[in-house]
């Protein structure tokens, strides 16, 4: 005797509406009308003979039956998605979609990717750039690399690289009639800003520098790599993250004029749902990127880093 199952579209409509507690948002997610969502859920309730939602004036809440029905359905949908992904990746080929910040992709990941492709020629890496956290239940993304403090709900986040920040500029700014020699000289130069959680104010305070207007200068709010490119072009002095600036410093396109940096408790993390780490293509990319991160850290240690600034009382980044 065959299984008696409700329509898959009705199950998807219920799961989305239950997750958002909104027919409107469920309709937007599934790219259908709100009326279609309402119709599918009404049909599902008729099939079950039970109400799944309580429809209030300005709210939608799950009934006791709906609360009990949701977890196994969500698990079943996850298993279908996993089985499909595993089938696609059974031969270790296909594609791997990586969501990461545009600046990290441009300045750190992309220059190293050819080494991954050499080791896994049948696996194509598809890069998607975003700073928003990935919803792995809805987005076709295999892994994400994010910058922050970690601890994101519902995912496994493995730390790859920590960050510190310090000023960088084009070598020619150290020359001329008014060269950049000391932090106090920054008063005569354009300051370049990105969207980092802390900025010039904290760096100048920690360095004990006064008389510099930390708020002036252009801001590159969507891409820190653009800020570094402006610094390379000689348009000013950028407050750089070490990981993003490392290759430009090694190549001599940028220089760090001062011998100290400001540490942070922020880092780049490899992020995915725990079960994704079992997928062959995700495991291969994780192993590779961890090895690249170790090589980068070892190279930085051999080169020596600027001394860390002493944080003022109450400092926490």
C-alpha atoms as a PDB file:
ATOM      1  CA  UNK A   1       0.000   0.000   0.000  1.00  0.00           C
ATOM      2  CA  UNK A   2       1.453   3.344  -1.047  1.00  0.00           C
ATOM      3  CA  UNK A   3       2.156   6.189   1.336  1.00  0.00           C
ATOM      4  CA  UNK A   4      -0.641   8.705   1.756  1.00  0.00           C
ATOM      5  CA  UNK A   5       1.179  12.024   1.724  1.00  0.00           C
ATOM      6  CA  UNK A   6      -0.104  15.576   1.409  1.00  0.00           C
ATOM      7  CA  UNK A   7       1.081  17.586  -1.621  1.00  0.00           C
ATOM      8  CA  UNK A   8       4.721  18.712  -1.357  1.00  0.00           C
ATOM      9  CA  UNK A   9       3.753  22.294  -2.270  1.00  0.00           C
ATOM     10  CA  UNK A  10       1.394  22.387   0.704  1.00  0.00           C
ATOM     11  CA  UNK A  11       4.128  21.075   2.993  1.00  0.00           C
ATOM     12  CA  UNK A  12       6.569  23.737   1.718  1.00  0.00           C
ATOM     13  CA  UNK A  13       3.929  26.445   2.144  1.00  0.00           C
ATOM     14  CA  UNK A  14       3.247  25.364   5.727  1.00  0.00           C
ATOM     15  CA  UNK A  15       6.950  25.145   6.647  1.00  0.00           C
ATOM     16  CA  UNK A  16       7.705  28.601   5.226  1.00  0.00           C
ATOM     17  CA  UNK A  17       4.653  30.213   6.826  1.00  0.00           C
ATOM     18  CA  UNK A  18       5.418  28.553  10.170  1.00  0.00           C
ATOM     19  CA  UNK A  19       9.037  29.719  10.046  1.00  0.00           C
ATOM     20  CA  UNK A  20       8.121  33.302   9.247  1.00  0.00           C
ATOM     21  CA  UNK A  21       4.739  33.316  11.015  1.00  0.00           C
ATOM     22  CA  UNK A  22       3.547  35.210   7.973  1.00  0.00           C
ATOM     23  CA  UNK A  23       1.710  34.152   4.810  1.00  0.00           C
ATOM     24  CA  UNK A  24       3.056  37.246   3.049  1.00  0.00           C
ATOM     25  CA  UNK A  25       6.718  36.456   3.719  1.00  0.00           C
ATOM     26  CA  UNK A  26       6.168  32.788   2.868  1.00  0.00           C
ATOM     27  CA  UNK A  27       4.673  33.842  -0.461  1.00  0.00           C
ATOM     28  CA  UNK A  28       7.663  36.104  -1.188  1.00  0.00           C
ATOM     29  CA  UNK A  29      10.095  33.300  -0.351  1.00  0.00           C
ATOM     30  CA  UNK A  30       8.335  30.712  -2.543  1.00  0.00           C
ATOM     31  CA  UNK A  31       7.583  33.224  -5.309  1.00  0.00           C
ATOM     32  CA  UNK A  32       3.822  32.676  -5.268  1.00  0.00           C
ATOM     33  CA  UNK A  33       0.866  34.806  -4.228  1.00  0.00           C
ATOM     34  CA  UNK A  34      -0.338  35.141  -0.656  1.00  0.00           C
ATOM     35  CA  UNK A  35      -3.658  33.701  -1.805  1.00  0.00           C
ATOM     36  CA  UNK A  36      -1.845  30.592  -3.073  1.00  0.00           C
ATOM     37  CA  UNK A  37      -0.148  30.097   0.308  1.00  0.00           C
ATOM     38  CA  UNK A  38      -3.453  30.519   2.120  1.00  0.00           C
ATOM     39  CA  UNK A  39      -5.169  28.084  -0.263  1.00  0.00           C
ATOM     40  CA  UNK A  40      -2.435  25.438   0.098  1.00  0.00           C
ATOM     41  CA  UNK A  41      -2.456  25.626   3.885  1.00  0.00           C
ATOM     42  CA  UNK A  42      -6.265  25.518   4.008  1.00  0.00           C
ATOM     43  CA  UNK A  43      -6.135  22.373   1.851  1.00  0.00           C
ATOM     44  CA  UNK A  44      -3.532  20.848   4.160  1.00  0.00           C
ATOM     45  CA  UNK A  45      -5.666  21.623   7.228  1.00  0.00           C
ATOM     46  CA  UNK A  46      -8.704  20.072   5.525  1.00  0.00           C
ATOM     47  CA  UNK A  47      -6.674  16.939   4.721  1.00  0.00           C
ATOM     48  CA  UNK A  48      -5.465  16.664   8.327  1.00  0.00           C
ATOM     49  CA  UNK A  49      -8.787  17.640   9.862  1.00  0.00           C
ATOM     50  CA  UNK A  50      -6.915  19.996  12.202  1.00  0.00           C
ATOM     51  CA  UNK A  51      -6.144  23.731  12.223  1.00  0.00           C
ATOM     52  CA  UNK A  52      -2.410  24.444  12.002  1.00  0.00           C
ATOM     53  CA  UNK A  53      -2.561  28.212  12.543  1.00  0.00           C
ATOM     54  CA  UNK A  54      -4.543  30.632  14.600  1.00  0.00           C
ATOM     55  CA  UNK A  55      -5.247  33.680  12.476  1.00  0.00           C
ATOM     56  CA  UNK A  56      -5.411  36.744  14.716  1.00  0.00           C
ATOM     57  CA  UNK A  57      -6.005  40.366  13.699  1.00  0.00           C
ATOM     58  CA  UNK A  58      -2.330  41.313  13.367  1.00  0.00           C
ATOM     59  CA  UNK A  59      -0.557  38.040  14.009  1.00  0.00           C
ATOM     60  CA  UNK A  60      -0.276  34.435  12.925  1.00  0.00           C
ATOM     61  CA  UNK A  61       0.460  31.790  15.564  1.00  0.00           C
ATOM     62  CA  UNK A  62       0.852  28.034  15.398  1.00  0.00           C
ATOM     63  CA  UNK A  63      -1.706  25.839  17.084  1.00  0.00           C
ATOM     64  CA  UNK A  64      -0.538  22.982  19.265  1.00  0.00           C
ATOM     65  CA  UNK A  65      -0.998  20.675  16.266  1.00  0.00           C
ATOM     66  CA  UNK A  66       1.052  23.006  14.081  1.00  0.00           C
ATOM     67  CA  UNK A  67       3.863  23.158  16.639  1.00  0.00           C
ATOM     68  CA  UNK A  68       4.039  19.382  16.719  1.00  0.00           C
ATOM     69  CA  UNK A  69       3.827  19.001  12.938  1.00  0.00           C
ATOM     70  CA  UNK A  70       6.587  21.495  12.065  1.00  0.00           C
ATOM     71  CA  UNK A  71       9.787  19.812  13.407  1.00  0.00           C
ATOM     72  CA  UNK A  72       9.435  16.466  11.592  1.00  0.00           C
ATOM     73  CA  UNK A  73       8.434  18.214   8.359  1.00  0.00           C
ATOM     74  CA  UNK A  74      11.436  20.527   8.560  1.00  0.00           C
ATOM     75  CA  UNK A  75      13.709  17.558   9.207  1.00  0.00           C
ATOM     76  CA  UNK A  76      12.192  15.697   6.242  1.00  0.00           C
ATOM     77  CA  UNK A  77      12.741  18.670   3.913  1.00  0.00           C
ATOM     78  CA  UNK A  78      16.340  18.960   5.143  1.00  0.00           C
ATOM     79  CA  UNK A  79      16.888  15.278   4.439  1.00  0.00           C
ATOM     80  CA  UNK A  80      15.519  15.649   0.910  1.00  0.00           C
ATOM     81  CA  UNK A  81      17.848  18.604   0.304  1.00  0.00           C
ATOM     82  CA  UNK A  82      20.811  16.692   1.749  1.00  0.00           C
ATOM     83  CA  UNK A  83      20.085  13.581  -0.289  1.00  0.00           C
ATOM     84  CA  UNK A  84      19.864  15.660  -3.454  1.00  0.00           C
ATOM     85  CA  UNK A  85      23.140  17.450  -2.720  1.00  0.00           C
ATOM     86  CA  UNK A  86      24.927  14.215  -1.870  1.00  0.00           C
ATOM     87  CA  UNK A  87      23.700  12.621  -5.082  1.00  0.00           C
ATOM     88  CA  UNK A  88      24.995  15.588  -7.092  1.00  0.00           C
ATOM     89  CA  UNK A  89      28.343  15.490  -5.306  1.00  0.00           C
ATOM     90  CA  UNK A  90      28.783  11.713  -5.217  1.00  0.00           C
ATOM     91  CA  UNK A  91      31.696  11.835  -7.641  1.00  0.00           C
ATOM     92  CA  UNK A  92      33.327  14.819  -5.933  1.00  0.00           C
ATOM     93  CA  UNK A  93      32.567  16.936  -8.983  1.00  0.00           C
ATOM     94  CA  UNK A  94      29.930  19.464  -9.874  1.00  0.00           C
ATOM     95  CA  UNK A  95      29.924  22.913  -8.317  1.00  0.00           C
ATOM     96  CA  UNK A  96      30.545  24.408  -4.890  1.00  0.00           C
ATOM     97  CA  UNK A  97      28.852  27.703  -4.088  1.00  0.00           C
ATOM     98  CA  UNK A  98      30.822  29.845  -1.635  1.00  0.00           C
ATOM     99  CA  UNK A  99      29.318  33.004  -0.175  1.00  0.00           C
ATOM    100  CA  UNK A 100      31.892  35.460   1.118  1.00  0.00           C
ATOM    101  CA  UNK A 101      32.619  39.145   1.519  1.00  0.00           C
ATOM    102  CA  UNK A 102      33.671  40.916  -1.676  1.00  0.00           C
ATOM    103  CA  UNK A 103      36.818  42.295  -0.027  1.00  0.00           C
ATOM    104  CA  UNK A 104      37.915  38.904   1.327  1.00  0.00           C
ATOM    105  CA  UNK A 105      37.260  37.299  -2.044  1.00  0.00           C
ATOM    106  CA  UNK A 106      39.263  39.904  -3.962  1.00  0.00           C
ATOM    107  CA  UNK A 107      42.200  40.280  -1.599  1.00  0.00           C
ATOM    108  CA  UNK A 108      42.661  36.812  -0.074  1.00  0.00           C
ATOM    109  CA  UNK A 109      40.540  34.010  -1.500  1.00  0.00           C
ATOM    110  CA  UNK A 110      40.612  34.547  -5.274  1.00  0.00           C
ATOM    111  CA  UNK A 111      44.435  34.792  -5.555  1.00  0.00           C
ATOM    112  CA  UNK A 112      44.687  31.386  -3.851  1.00  0.00           C
ATOM    113  CA  UNK A 113      41.796  29.606  -5.612  1.00  0.00           C
ATOM    114  CA  UNK A 114      43.871  28.261  -8.535  1.00  0.00           C
ATOM    115  CA  UNK A 115      45.619  25.940  -6.065  1.00  0.00           C
ATOM    116  CA  UNK A 116      42.248  24.480  -5.065  1.00  0.00           C
ATOM    117  CA  UNK A 117      41.241  24.036  -8.703  1.00  0.00           C
ATOM    118  CA  UNK A 118      44.511  22.206  -9.404  1.00  0.00           C
ATOM    119  CA  UNK A 119      43.725  19.721  -6.630  1.00  0.00           C
ATOM    120  CA  UNK A 120      40.028  19.377  -7.555  1.00  0.00           C
ATOM    121  CA  UNK A 121      39.739  19.984 -11.316  1.00  0.00           C
ATOM    122  CA  UNK A 122      36.243  18.471 -11.552  1.00  0.00           C
ATOM    123  CA  UNK A 123      34.809  20.807  -8.917  1.00  0.00           C
ATOM    124  CA  UNK A 124      33.861  24.325 -10.019  1.00  0.00           C
ATOM    125  CA  UNK A 125      33.816  27.032  -7.335  1.00  0.00           C
ATOM    126  CA  UNK A 126      30.996  29.565  -7.711  1.00  0.00           C
ATOM    127  CA  UNK A 127      31.636  32.722  -5.690  1.00  0.00           C
ATOM    128  CA  UNK A 128      28.762  34.803  -4.356  1.00  0.00           C
ATOM    129  CA  UNK A 129      29.637  38.009  -2.503  1.00  0.00           C
ATOM    130  CA  UNK A 130      27.513  39.269   0.373  1.00  0.00           C
ATOM    131  CA  UNK A 131      27.966  40.500   3.933  1.00  0.00           C
ATOM    132  CA  UNK A 132      24.570  39.216   5.097  1.00  0.00           C
ATOM    133  CA  UNK A 133      24.352  35.953   6.997  1.00  0.00           C
ATOM    134  CA  UNK A 134      23.290  33.046   4.772  1.00  0.00           C
ATOM    135  CA  UNK A 135      19.956  31.295   5.281  1.00  0.00           C
ATOM    136  CA  UNK A 136      21.116  27.806   4.338  1.00  0.00           C
ATOM    137  CA  UNK A 137      17.536  26.500   4.399  1.00  0.00           C
ATOM    138  CA  UNK A 138      16.536  28.797   1.551  1.00  0.00           C
ATOM    139  CA  UNK A 139      19.680  29.823  -0.339  1.00  0.00           C
ATOM    140  CA  UNK A 140      21.592  27.561  -2.688  1.00  0.00           C
ATOM    141  CA  UNK A 141      24.885  28.029  -0.848  1.00  0.00           C
ATOM    142  CA  UNK A 142      27.248  25.263   0.281  1.00  0.00           C
ATOM    143  CA  UNK A 143      29.570  27.253   2.558  1.00  0.00           C
ATOM    144  CA  UNK A 144      30.060  30.827   3.698  1.00  0.00           C
ATOM    145  CA  UNK A 145      33.056  32.775   4.947  1.00  0.00           C
ATOM    146  CA  UNK A 146      32.016  35.548   7.297  1.00  0.00           C
ATOM    147  CA  UNK A 147      33.741  38.179   9.427  1.00  0.00           C
ATOM    148  CA  UNK A 148      32.725  38.712  13.031  1.00  0.00           C
ATOM    149  CA  UNK A 149      32.782  37.159  16.480  1.00  0.00           C
ATOM    150  CA  UNK A 150      31.315  33.780  15.526  1.00  0.00           C
ATOM    151  CA  UNK A 151      28.605  32.107  17.576  1.00  0.00           C
ATOM    152  CA  UNK A 152      25.943  32.331  14.858  1.00  0.00           C
ATOM    153  CA  UNK A 153      22.822  30.292  15.564  1.00  0.00           C
ATOM    154  CA  UNK A 154      22.151  27.088  13.649  1.00  0.00           C
ATOM    155  CA  UNK A 155      25.557  26.781  11.984  1.00  0.00           C
ATOM    156  CA  UNK A 156      29.032  25.488  12.724  1.00  0.00           C
ATOM    157  CA  UNK A 157      31.582  28.320  12.530  1.00  0.00           C
ATOM    158  CA  UNK A 158      35.282  27.415  12.403  1.00  0.00           C
ATOM    159  CA  UNK A 159      37.772  30.245  12.903  1.00  0.00           C
ATOM    160  CA  UNK A 160      40.215  30.699  10.027  1.00  0.00           C
ATOM    161  CA  UNK A 161      42.049  33.998  10.509  1.00  0.00           C
ATOM    162  CA  UNK A 162      42.063  36.683  13.181  1.00  0.00           C
ATOM    163  CA  UNK A 163      42.461  40.358  12.351  1.00  0.00           C
ATOM    164  CA  UNK A 164      44.354  43.411  13.530  1.00  0.00           C
ATOM    165  CA  UNK A 165      44.263  46.865  11.980  1.00  0.00           C
ATOM    166  CA  UNK A 166      46.891  49.492  11.154  1.00  0.00           C
ATOM    167  CA  UNK A 167      47.455  52.365   8.699  1.00  0.00           C
ATOM    168  CA  UNK A 168      48.770  51.650   5.202  1.00  0.00           C
ATOM    169  CA  UNK A 169      49.568  53.909   2.268  1.00  0.00           C
ATOM    170  CA  UNK A 170      51.330  54.063  -1.070  1.00  0.00           C
ATOM    171  CA  UNK A 171      55.160  54.207  -0.752  1.00  0.00           C
ATOM    172  CA  UNK A 172      55.282  57.656  -2.363  1.00  0.00           C
ATOM    173  CA  UNK A 173      53.439  59.189   0.611  1.00  0.00           C
ATOM    174  CA  UNK A 174      56.616  58.608   2.627  1.00  0.00           C
ATOM    175  CA  UNK A 175      58.510  60.907   0.280  1.00  0.00           C
ATOM    176  CA  UNK A 176      58.251  64.532  -0.840  1.00  0.00           C
ATOM    177  CA  UNK A 177      58.340  67.831   1.000  1.00  0.00           C
ATOM    178  CA  UNK A 178      55.797  66.729   3.642  1.00  0.00           C
ATOM    179  CA  UNK A 179      56.356  62.981   4.084  1.00  0.00           C
ATOM    180  CA  UNK A 180      54.321  60.750   6.390  1.00  0.00           C
ATOM    181  CA  UNK A 181      56.717  59.878   9.217  1.00  0.00           C
ATOM    182  CA  UNK A 182      54.802  59.827  12.522  1.00  0.00           C
ATOM    183  CA  UNK A 183      51.155  59.231  13.439  1.00  0.00           C
ATOM    184  CA  UNK A 184      50.827  62.935  14.190  1.00  0.00           C
ATOM    185  CA  UNK A 185      51.592  63.630  10.517  1.00  0.00           C
ATOM    186  CA  UNK A 186      48.238  62.033   9.647  1.00  0.00           C
ATOM    187  CA  UNK A 187      46.687  65.459  10.305  1.00  0.00           C
ATOM    188  CA  UNK A 188      48.018  66.509   6.908  1.00  0.00           C
ATOM    189  CA  UNK A 189      46.776  63.477   4.960  1.00  0.00           C
ATOM    190  CA  UNK A 190      43.412  62.210   3.733  1.00  0.00           C
ATOM    191  CA  UNK A 191      42.064  59.362   5.860  1.00  0.00           C
ATOM    192  CA  UNK A 192      40.319  56.515   4.041  1.00  0.00           C
ATOM    193  CA  UNK A 193      37.539  54.594   5.809  1.00  0.00           C
ATOM    194  CA  UNK A 194      35.725  51.303   5.210  1.00  0.00           C
ATOM    195  CA  UNK A 195      32.700  49.714   6.891  1.00  0.00           C
ATOM    196  CA  UNK A 196      34.735  48.099   9.667  1.00  0.00           C
ATOM    197  CA  UNK A 197      33.122  47.952  13.127  1.00  0.00           C
ATOM    198  CA  UNK A 198      35.843  50.159  14.567  1.00  0.00           C
ATOM    199  CA  UNK A 199      37.864  52.831  12.844  1.00  0.00           C
ATOM    200  CA  UNK A 200      40.306  55.639  12.956  1.00  0.00           C
ATOM    201  CA  UNK A 201      39.026  57.077  16.239  1.00  0.00           C
ATOM    202  CA  UNK A 202      39.895  53.940  18.188  1.00  0.00           C
ATOM    203  CA  UNK A 203      43.242  53.461  16.449  1.00  0.00           C
ATOM    204  CA  UNK A 204      44.312  57.079  17.087  1.00  0.00           C
ATOM    205  CA  UNK A 205      43.161  56.951  20.714  1.00  0.00           C
ATOM    206  CA  UNK A 206      45.001  53.694  21.314  1.00  0.00           C
ATOM    207  CA  UNK A 207      48.146  55.119  19.695  1.00  0.00           C
ATOM    208  CA  UNK A 208      47.920  58.195  21.906  1.00  0.00           C
ATOM    209  CA  UNK A 209      47.568  60.538  18.924  1.00  0.00           C
ATOM    210  CA  UNK A 210      45.675  63.833  19.204  1.00  0.00           C
ATOM    211  CA  UNK A 211      45.050  66.649  16.771  1.00  0.00           C
ATOM    212  CA  UNK A 212      43.840  64.392  13.926  1.00  0.00           C
ATOM    213  CA  UNK A 213      40.229  64.629  12.758  1.00  0.00           C
ATOM    214  CA  UNK A 214      39.269  60.948  12.571  1.00  0.00           C
ATOM    215  CA  UNK A 215      35.914  61.637  10.894  1.00  0.00           C
ATOM    216  CA  UNK A 216      37.176  63.277   7.712  1.00  0.00           C
ATOM    217  CA  UNK A 217      37.912  61.516   4.456  1.00  0.00           C
ATOM    218  CA  UNK A 218      35.981  59.348   1.967  1.00  0.00           C
ATOM    219  CA  UNK A 219      34.209  56.175   3.016  1.00  0.00           C
ATOM    220  CA  UNK A 220      34.056  52.894   1.119  1.00  0.00           C
ATOM    221  CA  UNK A 221      31.045  51.325   2.794  1.00  0.00           C
ATOM    222  CA  UNK A 222      30.477  48.264   0.628  1.00  0.00           C
ATOM    223  CA  UNK A 223      33.952  46.973  -0.207  1.00  0.00           C
ATOM    224  CA  UNK A 224      37.151  47.311   1.831  1.00  0.00           C
ATOM    225  CA  UNK A 225      39.150  46.233  -1.229  1.00  0.00           C
ATOM    226  CA  UNK A 226      38.146  49.491  -2.934  1.00  0.00           C
ATOM    227  CA  UNK A 227      39.540  51.430   0.005  1.00  0.00           C
ATOM    228  CA  UNK A 228      42.864  49.602  -0.324  1.00  0.00           C
ATOM    229  CA  UNK A 229      42.889  50.312  -4.062  1.00  0.00           C
ATOM    230  CA  UNK A 230      42.431  54.005  -3.316  1.00  0.00           C
ATOM    231  CA  UNK A 231      45.388  53.819  -0.922  1.00  0.00           C
ATOM    232  CA  UNK A 232      47.513  52.072  -3.571  1.00  0.00           C
ATOM    233  CA  UNK A 233      46.658  54.912  -5.955  1.00  0.00           C
ATOM    234  CA  UNK A 234      47.976  57.406  -3.394  1.00  0.00           C
ATOM    235  CA  UNK A 235      44.617  58.970  -2.535  1.00  0.00           C
ATOM    236  CA  UNK A 236      45.196  58.793   1.211  1.00  0.00           C
ATOM    237  CA  UNK A 237      46.018  56.609   4.204  1.00  0.00           C
ATOM    238  CA  UNK A 238      43.774  53.594   4.841  1.00  0.00           C
ATOM    239  CA  UNK A 239      43.131  51.810   8.117  1.00  0.00           C
ATOM    240  CA  UNK A 240      43.634  48.270   6.846  1.00  0.00           C
ATOM    241  CA  UNK A 241      42.837  44.804   8.046  1.00  0.00           C
ATOM    242  CA  UNK A 242      46.019  42.747   7.920  1.00  0.00           C
ATOM    243  CA  UNK A 243      44.503  39.765   6.082  1.00  0.00           C
ATOM    244  CA  UNK A 244      43.167  41.976   3.300  1.00  0.00           C
ATOM    245  CA  UNK A 245      46.318  44.071   2.935  1.00  0.00           C
ATOM    246  CA  UNK A 246      48.920  41.290   3.239  1.00  0.00           C
ATOM    247  CA  UNK A 247      49.475  40.592  -0.463  1.00  0.00           C
ATOM    248  CA  UNK A 248      49.693  44.292  -1.337  1.00  0.00           C
ATOM    249  CA  UNK A 249      52.223  44.809   1.468  1.00  0.00           C
ATOM    250  CA  UNK A 250      54.298  41.822   0.299  1.00  0.00           C
ATOM    251  CA  UNK A 251      54.276  43.153  -3.278  1.00  0.00           C
ATOM    252  CA  UNK A 252      55.295  46.641  -2.179  1.00  0.00           C
ATOM    253  CA  UNK A 253      52.111  48.275  -3.462  1.00  0.00           C
ATOM    254  CA  UNK A 254      51.389  49.356   0.116  1.00  0.00           C
ATOM    255  CA  UNK A 255      53.590  50.104   3.119  1.00  0.00           C
ATOM    256  CA  UNK A 256      52.811  50.239   6.847  1.00  0.00           C
ATOM    257  CA  UNK A 257      54.458  53.505   7.974  1.00  0.00           C
ATOM    258  CA  UNK A 258      54.145  52.857  11.711  1.00  0.00           C
ATOM    259  CA  UNK A 259      55.407  49.890  13.688  1.00  0.00           C
ATOM    260  CA  UNK A 260      52.299  49.000  15.646  1.00  0.00           C
ATOM    261  CA  UNK A 261      48.787  47.663  15.115  1.00  0.00           C
ATOM    262  CA  UNK A 262      45.516  47.420  16.996  1.00  0.00           C
ATOM    263  CA  UNK A 263      44.330  43.854  17.743  1.00  0.00           C
ATOM    264  CA  UNK A 264      40.659  42.906  17.505  1.00  0.00           C
ATOM    265  CA  UNK A 265      38.602  39.942  18.669  1.00  0.00           C
ATOM    266  CA  UNK A 266      37.040  39.638  15.210  1.00  0.00           C
ATOM    267  CA  UNK A 267      37.958  36.922  12.740  1.00  0.00           C
ATOM    268  CA  UNK A 268      37.074  35.246   9.461  1.00  0.00           C
ATOM    269  CA  UNK A 269      35.054  32.062   9.935  1.00  0.00           C
ATOM    270  CA  UNK A 270      34.220  29.091   7.732  1.00  0.00           C
ATOM    271  CA  UNK A 271      30.453  28.725   8.197  1.00  0.00           C
ATOM    272  CA  UNK A 272      27.992  25.990   7.261  1.00  0.00           C
ATOM    273  CA  UNK A 273      25.310  23.831   8.909  1.00  0.00           C
ATOM    274  CA  UNK A 274      26.992  20.974  10.828  1.00  0.00           C
ATOM    275  CA  UNK A 275      25.693  18.293   8.450  1.00  0.00           C
ATOM    276  CA  UNK A 276      27.174  20.096   5.427  1.00  0.00           C
ATOM    277  CA  UNK A 277      30.693  19.354   6.673  1.00  0.00           C
ATOM    278  CA  UNK A 278      30.047  15.679   5.826  1.00  0.00           C
ATOM    279  CA  UNK A 279      29.563  16.466   2.138  1.00  0.00           C
ATOM    280  CA  UNK A 280      32.670  15.515   0.136  1.00  0.00           C
ATOM    281  CA  UNK A 281      32.962  18.810  -1.725  1.00  0.00           C
ATOM    282  CA  UNK A 282      32.482  20.895   1.434  1.00  0.00           C
ATOM    283  CA  UNK A 283      35.005  18.755   3.315  1.00  0.00           C
ATOM    284  CA  UNK A 284      37.505  19.175   0.467  1.00  0.00           C
ATOM    285  CA  UNK A 285      37.118  22.963   0.440  1.00  0.00           C
ATOM    286  CA  UNK A 286      37.288  23.160   4.238  1.00  0.00           C
ATOM    287  CA  UNK A 287      40.501  21.116   4.349  1.00  0.00           C
ATOM    288  CA  UNK A 288      42.061  23.273   1.633  1.00  0.00           C
ATOM    289  CA  UNK A 289      41.097  26.664   3.069  1.00  0.00           C
ATOM    290  CA  UNK A 290      42.307  25.641   6.545  1.00  0.00           C
ATOM    291  CA  UNK A 291      45.670  24.658   5.051  1.00  0.00           C
ATOM    292  CA  UNK A 292      45.879  27.994   3.221  1.00  0.00           C
ATOM    293  CA  UNK A 293      45.059  29.838   6.438  1.00  0.00           C
ATOM    294  CA  UNK A 294      47.807  27.938   8.292  1.00  0.00           C
ATOM    295  CA  UNK A 295      50.318  28.781   5.545  1.00  0.00           C
ATOM    296  CA  UNK A 296      49.307  32.440   5.732  1.00  0.00           C
ATOM    297  CA  UNK A 297      49.671  32.536   9.527  1.00  0.00           C
ATOM    298  CA  UNK A 298      53.066  30.830   9.353  1.00  0.00           C
ATOM    299  CA  UNK A 299      54.280  33.308   6.725  1.00  0.00           C
ATOM    300  CA  UNK A 300      53.110  36.253   8.814  1.00  0.00           C
ATOM    301  CA  UNK A 301      54.855  34.846  11.876  1.00  0.00           C
ATOM    302  CA  UNK A 302      58.123  34.447   9.960  1.00  0.00           C
ATOM    303  CA  UNK A 303      57.871  37.978   8.583  1.00  0.00           C
ATOM    304  CA  UNK A 304      57.151  39.469  11.998  1.00  0.00           C
ATOM    305  CA  UNK A 305      54.160  41.641  12.801  1.00  0.00           C
ATOM    306  CA  UNK A 306      53.966  45.223  14.094  1.00  0.00           C
ATOM    307  CA  UNK A 307      53.796  45.376  17.860  1.00  0.00           C
ATOM    308  CA  UNK A 308      50.277  45.373  19.243  1.00  0.00           C
ATOM    309  CA  UNK A 309      49.030  48.577  20.812  1.00  0.00           C
ATOM    310  CA  UNK A 310      48.118  48.519  24.480  1.00  0.00           C
ATOM    311  CA  UNK A 311      44.360  48.824  24.653  1.00  0.00           C
ATOM    312  CA  UNK A 312      42.956  51.602  26.825  1.00  0.00           C
ATOM    313  CA  UNK A 313      40.823  50.668  29.892  1.00  0.00           C
ATOM    314  CA  UNK A 314      37.501  49.128  28.933  1.00  0.00           C
ATOM    315  CA  UNK A 315      38.594  48.444  25.369  1.00  0.00           C
ATOM    316  CA  UNK A 316      36.661  45.669  23.664  1.00  0.00           C
ATOM    317  CA  UNK A 317      36.401  45.151  19.937  1.00  0.00           C
END
